[in-house]
């Protein structure tokens, strides 16, 4: 079958180090819902109605969606992401997106609602 997404080998190393540092600060596990995406998988998600960027930083290995289902988890994760210097953060109903794509606007927070 078609490979829709691949593992951490496609992720940017400096992004992973920053994410790992945030996890250490948070002191809780980070369950990653979405990391690297192939262009094909990104198009598939779009076809299913998900809000995805056409030039998503997920396709560059510069983004992750972290599961966050409670207000305490959201606060803990957000606090850690900000402490390590993430400047692009999006909130979904059950996840927090973070990326380090410097080709996009910095110091922004958005929602997927």
N, C-alpha and C. Protein backbone atom coordinates (compact mmCIF):
# COMPACT_ATOMS: atom_id res chain seq x y z
N UNK A 1 0.81 -1.20 0.00
CA UNK A 1 0.00 0.00 0.00
C UNK A 1 0.85 1.25 0.00
N UNK A 2 0.18 2.35 -0.12
CA UNK A 2 0.84 3.65 -0.16
C UNK A 2 1.32 4.05 1.24
N UNK A 3 2.53 4.55 1.30
CA UNK A 3 3.06 5.05 2.56
C UNK A 3 2.53 6.46 2.77
N UNK A 4 1.76 6.67 3.83
CA UNK A 4 1.15 7.97 4.06
C UNK A 4 2.01 8.86 4.92
N UNK A 5 2.69 8.32 5.86
CA UNK A 5 3.56 9.12 6.74
C UNK A 5 4.71 8.24 7.18
N UNK A 6 5.81 8.89 7.53
CA UNK A 6 6.97 8.13 7.98
C UNK A 6 7.42 8.63 9.34
N UNK A 7 8.42 8.00 9.87
CA UNK A 7 8.81 8.25 11.25
C UNK A 7 9.77 9.39 11.47
N UNK A 8 10.40 9.35 12.64
CA UNK A 8 11.25 10.45 13.08
C UNK A 8 12.48 10.65 12.21
N UNK A 9 12.83 9.67 11.37
CA UNK A 9 14.00 9.82 10.51
C UNK A 9 13.84 10.99 9.54
N UNK A 10 12.61 11.39 9.24
CA UNK A 10 12.36 12.50 8.33
C UNK A 10 12.25 13.84 9.05
N UNK A 11 12.36 13.84 10.35
CA UNK A 11 12.21 15.07 11.12
C UNK A 11 13.53 15.82 11.20
N UNK A 12 13.44 17.14 11.26
CA UNK A 12 14.60 18.01 11.44
C UNK A 12 15.18 17.79 12.85
N UNK A 13 16.47 17.55 12.92
CA UNK A 13 17.11 17.22 14.20
C UNK A 13 16.99 18.36 15.21
N UNK A 14 17.20 19.60 14.78
CA UNK A 14 17.12 20.71 15.74
C UNK A 14 15.69 20.90 16.24
N UNK A 15 14.69 20.62 15.38
CA UNK A 15 13.30 20.67 15.83
C UNK A 15 13.08 19.61 16.91
N UNK A 16 13.55 18.40 16.66
CA UNK A 16 13.36 17.31 17.64
C UNK A 16 14.04 17.62 18.97
N UNK A 17 15.22 18.22 18.92
CA UNK A 17 15.92 18.57 20.16
C UNK A 17 15.14 19.61 20.96
N UNK A 18 14.57 20.60 20.25
CA UNK A 18 13.78 21.63 20.91
C UNK A 18 12.51 21.02 21.51
N UNK A 19 11.87 20.13 20.76
CA UNK A 19 10.66 19.47 21.25
C UNK A 19 10.97 18.59 22.46
N UNK A 20 12.09 17.90 22.41
CA UNK A 20 12.51 17.04 23.53
C UNK A 20 12.81 17.88 24.77
N UNK A 21 13.42 19.03 24.57
CA UNK A 21 13.71 19.94 25.69
C UNK A 21 12.39 20.41 26.32
N UNK A 22 11.40 20.74 25.47
CA UNK A 22 10.08 21.16 25.98
C UNK A 22 9.44 20.02 26.78
N UNK A 23 9.56 18.80 26.29
CA UNK A 23 8.99 17.65 27.00
C UNK A 23 9.64 17.49 28.37
N UNK A 24 10.95 17.66 28.42
CA UNK A 24 11.66 17.57 29.70
C UNK A 24 11.14 18.63 30.68
N UNK A 25 10.95 19.85 30.20
CA UNK A 25 10.44 20.93 31.05
C UNK A 25 9.01 20.63 31.51
N UNK A 26 8.19 20.13 30.58
CA UNK A 26 6.79 19.83 30.91
C UNK A 26 6.70 18.72 31.95
N UNK A 27 7.60 17.76 31.86
CA UNK A 27 7.58 16.64 32.80
C UNK A 27 6.44 15.67 32.56
N UNK A 28 5.86 15.72 31.36
CA UNK A 28 4.80 14.76 31.00
C UNK A 28 5.13 14.19 29.61
N UNK A 29 4.62 13.01 29.31
CA UNK A 29 4.86 12.46 27.97
C UNK A 29 4.20 13.33 26.90
N UNK A 30 4.83 13.45 25.75
CA UNK A 30 4.23 14.11 24.59
C UNK A 30 3.81 13.02 23.62
N UNK A 31 2.50 12.84 23.46
CA UNK A 31 1.99 11.90 22.46
C UNK A 31 1.83 12.68 21.16
N UNK A 32 2.60 12.31 20.15
CA UNK A 32 2.58 13.02 18.88
C UNK A 32 1.52 12.41 17.97
N UNK A 33 0.52 13.23 17.63
CA UNK A 33 -0.55 12.78 16.72
C UNK A 33 -0.09 12.85 15.27
N UNK A 34 0.73 13.84 14.95
CA UNK A 34 1.19 14.02 13.58
C UNK A 34 2.57 14.66 13.61
N UNK A 35 3.51 14.06 12.90
CA UNK A 35 4.85 14.61 12.78
C UNK A 35 5.12 14.88 11.31
N UNK A 36 6.08 14.14 10.73
CA UNK A 36 6.38 14.31 9.32
C UNK A 36 5.22 13.83 8.46
N UNK A 37 4.93 14.59 7.40
CA UNK A 37 3.91 14.18 6.43
C UNK A 37 4.50 14.26 5.02
N UNK A 38 4.21 13.26 4.23
CA UNK A 38 4.54 13.34 2.81
C UNK A 38 3.55 14.31 2.16
N UNK A 39 3.91 14.88 1.01
CA UNK A 39 2.94 15.73 0.30
C UNK A 39 1.64 14.98 -0.01
N UNK A 40 1.75 13.69 -0.31
CA UNK A 40 0.56 12.89 -0.60
C UNK A 40 -0.35 12.78 0.63
N UNK A 41 0.26 12.57 1.80
CA UNK A 41 -0.54 12.46 3.01
C UNK A 41 -1.17 13.80 3.37
N UNK A 42 -0.44 14.88 3.14
CA UNK A 42 -0.99 16.20 3.42
C UNK A 42 -2.23 16.45 2.55
N UNK A 43 -2.15 16.07 1.26
CA UNK A 43 -3.30 16.20 0.35
C UNK A 43 -4.45 15.30 0.79
N UNK A 44 -4.12 14.11 1.25
CA UNK A 44 -5.15 13.18 1.74
C UNK A 44 -5.91 13.80 2.92
N UNK A 45 -5.17 14.38 3.87
CA UNK A 45 -5.82 15.03 5.03
C UNK A 45 -6.72 16.17 4.58
N UNK A 46 -6.24 16.96 3.62
CA UNK A 46 -7.04 18.06 3.09
C UNK A 46 -8.32 17.54 2.45
N UNK A 47 -8.21 16.44 1.72
CA UNK A 47 -9.39 15.86 1.07
C UNK A 47 -10.41 15.34 2.08
N UNK A 48 -9.95 15.03 3.28
CA UNK A 48 -10.84 14.56 4.35
C UNK A 48 -11.41 15.71 5.17
N UNK A 49 -11.07 16.95 4.80
CA UNK A 49 -11.65 18.11 5.46
C UNK A 49 -10.82 18.70 6.59
N UNK A 50 -9.62 18.18 6.80
CA UNK A 50 -8.76 18.74 7.84
C UNK A 50 -8.17 20.06 7.36
N UNK A 51 -7.96 20.99 8.30
CA UNK A 51 -7.34 22.27 7.97
C UNK A 51 -5.83 22.07 7.94
N UNK A 52 -5.29 21.93 6.74
CA UNK A 52 -3.85 21.76 6.57
C UNK A 52 -3.32 22.84 5.63
N UNK A 53 -2.11 23.30 5.89
CA UNK A 53 -1.48 24.28 5.01
C UNK A 53 -0.94 23.58 3.77
N UNK A 54 -1.09 24.23 2.63
CA UNK A 54 -0.59 23.63 1.37
C UNK A 54 0.92 23.42 1.43
N UNK A 55 1.63 24.34 2.06
CA UNK A 55 3.08 24.18 2.23
C UNK A 55 3.38 23.96 3.72
N UNK A 56 2.72 22.95 4.27
CA UNK A 56 2.79 22.64 5.70
C UNK A 56 4.21 22.38 6.17
N UNK A 57 4.58 22.96 7.34
CA UNK A 57 5.89 22.65 7.91
C UNK A 57 6.01 21.18 8.30
N UNK A 58 4.89 20.46 8.39
CA UNK A 58 4.97 19.01 8.63
C UNK A 58 5.75 18.33 7.50
N UNK A 59 5.63 18.84 6.27
CA UNK A 59 6.31 18.23 5.12
C UNK A 59 7.80 18.54 5.10
N UNK A 60 8.24 19.46 5.96
CA UNK A 60 9.66 19.79 6.08
C UNK A 60 10.27 19.15 7.32
N UNK A 61 9.47 18.40 8.09
CA UNK A 61 9.97 17.81 9.33
C UNK A 61 10.16 18.84 10.42
N UNK A 62 9.41 19.96 10.33
CA UNK A 62 9.56 21.06 11.28
C UNK A 62 8.34 21.27 12.16
N UNK A 63 7.46 20.27 12.26
CA UNK A 63 6.22 20.47 13.01
C UNK A 63 5.76 19.18 13.68
N UNK A 64 4.99 19.38 14.76
CA UNK A 64 4.38 18.25 15.45
C UNK A 64 3.05 18.70 16.04
N UNK A 65 2.11 17.79 16.06
CA UNK A 65 0.84 17.99 16.76
C UNK A 65 0.88 17.10 18.00
N UNK A 66 0.81 17.73 19.17
CA UNK A 66 0.93 17.03 20.44
C UNK A 66 -0.45 16.88 21.05
N UNK A 67 -0.82 15.67 21.43
CA UNK A 67 -2.11 15.42 22.06
C UNK A 67 -2.22 16.22 23.35
N UNK A 68 -3.34 16.94 23.50
CA UNK A 68 -3.58 17.73 24.72
C UNK A 68 -5.09 17.78 24.91
N UNK A 69 -5.61 16.96 25.80
CA UNK A 69 -7.05 16.80 25.93
C UNK A 69 -7.65 17.47 27.15
N UNK A 70 -6.80 17.93 28.08
CA UNK A 70 -7.33 18.61 29.27
C UNK A 70 -6.72 20.00 29.36
N UNK A 71 -7.37 20.86 30.12
CA UNK A 71 -6.85 22.22 30.26
C UNK A 71 -5.49 22.21 30.95
N UNK A 72 -5.27 21.31 31.89
CA UNK A 72 -3.98 21.20 32.57
C UNK A 72 -2.88 20.77 31.59
N UNK A 73 -3.17 19.79 30.74
CA UNK A 73 -2.20 19.37 29.72
C UNK A 73 -1.88 20.52 28.78
N UNK A 74 -2.91 21.26 28.33
CA UNK A 74 -2.69 22.38 27.42
C UNK A 74 -1.78 23.42 28.05
N UNK A 75 -2.04 23.76 29.30
CA UNK A 75 -1.21 24.75 29.99
C UNK A 75 0.23 24.26 30.12
N UNK A 76 0.40 23.03 30.57
CA UNK A 76 1.73 22.47 30.80
C UNK A 76 2.54 22.42 29.51
N UNK A 77 1.91 21.97 28.43
CA UNK A 77 2.59 21.87 27.14
C UNK A 77 2.90 23.26 26.59
N UNK A 78 1.92 24.16 26.61
CA UNK A 78 2.13 25.52 26.11
C UNK A 78 3.27 26.21 26.86
N UNK A 79 3.25 26.13 28.17
CA UNK A 79 4.28 26.74 28.99
C UNK A 79 5.67 26.24 28.58
N UNK A 80 5.80 24.94 28.40
CA UNK A 80 7.10 24.35 28.03
C UNK A 80 7.51 24.78 26.62
N UNK A 81 6.57 24.80 25.68
CA UNK A 81 6.89 25.20 24.31
C UNK A 81 7.39 26.64 24.27
N UNK A 82 6.73 27.51 25.02
CA UNK A 82 7.16 28.91 25.06
C UNK A 82 8.53 29.06 25.71
N UNK A 83 8.78 28.30 26.77
CA UNK A 83 10.06 28.39 27.49
C UNK A 83 11.24 28.01 26.61
N UNK A 84 11.05 27.06 25.70
CA UNK A 84 12.17 26.65 24.85
C UNK A 84 12.25 27.45 23.55
N UNK A 85 11.31 28.37 23.35
CA UNK A 85 11.43 29.28 22.22
C UNK A 85 10.58 29.00 21.01
N UNK A 86 9.57 28.14 21.11
CA UNK A 86 8.66 27.97 19.97
C UNK A 86 7.90 29.27 19.78
N UNK A 87 7.79 29.72 18.52
CA UNK A 87 7.16 30.99 18.20
C UNK A 87 5.96 30.83 17.26
N UNK A 88 5.58 29.58 16.97
CA UNK A 88 4.42 29.30 16.10
C UNK A 88 3.64 28.16 16.75
N UNK A 89 2.48 28.47 17.31
CA UNK A 89 1.71 27.48 18.07
C UNK A 89 0.24 27.57 17.68
N UNK A 90 -0.35 26.42 17.39
CA UNK A 90 -1.76 26.36 17.04
C UNK A 90 -2.50 25.43 18.00
N UNK A 91 -3.73 25.81 18.34
CA UNK A 91 -4.55 25.01 19.25
C UNK A 91 -5.71 24.36 18.52
N UNK A 92 -5.76 23.04 18.57
CA UNK A 92 -6.92 22.30 18.13
C UNK A 92 -7.71 21.89 19.36
N UNK A 93 -8.83 21.26 19.15
CA UNK A 93 -9.66 20.86 20.28
C UNK A 93 -8.95 19.83 21.17
N UNK A 94 -8.14 18.96 20.54
CA UNK A 94 -7.49 17.88 21.31
C UNK A 94 -5.97 17.83 21.09
N UNK A 95 -5.41 18.89 20.52
CA UNK A 95 -3.96 18.88 20.26
C UNK A 95 -3.41 20.30 20.24
N UNK A 96 -2.08 20.38 20.38
CA UNK A 96 -1.35 21.63 20.21
C UNK A 96 -0.33 21.39 19.10
N UNK A 97 -0.36 22.26 18.09
CA UNK A 97 0.60 22.22 17.00
C UNK A 97 1.74 23.17 17.33
N UNK A 98 2.96 22.76 17.03
CA UNK A 98 4.10 23.66 17.14
C UNK A 98 5.00 23.43 15.94
N UNK A 99 5.64 24.51 15.48
CA UNK A 99 6.60 24.34 14.40
C UNK A 99 7.67 25.41 14.48
N UNK A 100 8.76 25.14 13.77
CA UNK A 100 9.90 26.06 13.75
C UNK A 100 10.20 26.53 12.33
N UNK A 101 9.18 26.63 11.51
CA UNK A 101 9.35 27.06 10.12
C UNK A 101 9.58 28.56 10.09
N UNK A 102 10.83 28.97 9.87
CA UNK A 102 11.19 30.39 9.90
C UNK A 102 10.79 31.13 8.64
N UNK A 103 10.25 30.41 7.63
CA UNK A 103 9.76 31.08 6.43
C UNK A 103 8.34 31.62 6.63
N UNK A 104 7.75 31.31 7.78
CA UNK A 104 6.38 31.75 8.08
C UNK A 104 6.40 32.79 9.20
N UNK A 105 5.27 33.49 9.37
CA UNK A 105 5.15 34.52 10.41
C UNK A 105 5.54 33.94 11.77
N UNK A 106 6.22 34.76 12.58
CA UNK A 106 6.70 34.34 13.89
C UNK A 106 5.88 35.01 14.99
N UNK A 107 6.00 34.46 16.20
CA UNK A 107 5.29 34.97 17.39
C UNK A 107 3.79 35.05 17.15
N UNK A 108 3.23 33.91 16.73
CA UNK A 108 1.78 33.84 16.50
C UNK A 108 1.19 32.59 17.16
N UNK A 109 -0.05 32.72 17.53
CA UNK A 109 -0.84 31.60 18.08
C UNK A 109 -2.17 31.62 17.34
N UNK A 110 -2.64 30.45 16.92
CA UNK A 110 -3.92 30.37 16.20
C UNK A 110 -4.72 29.19 16.69
N UNK A 111 -5.98 29.12 16.25
CA UNK A 111 -6.84 27.99 16.59
C UNK A 111 -7.29 27.29 15.31
N UNK A 112 -7.70 26.05 15.45
CA UNK A 112 -8.23 25.26 14.34
C UNK A 112 -9.74 25.09 14.47
N UNK A 113 -10.37 25.84 15.34
CA UNK A 113 -11.81 25.67 15.58
C UNK A 113 -12.61 26.21 14.43
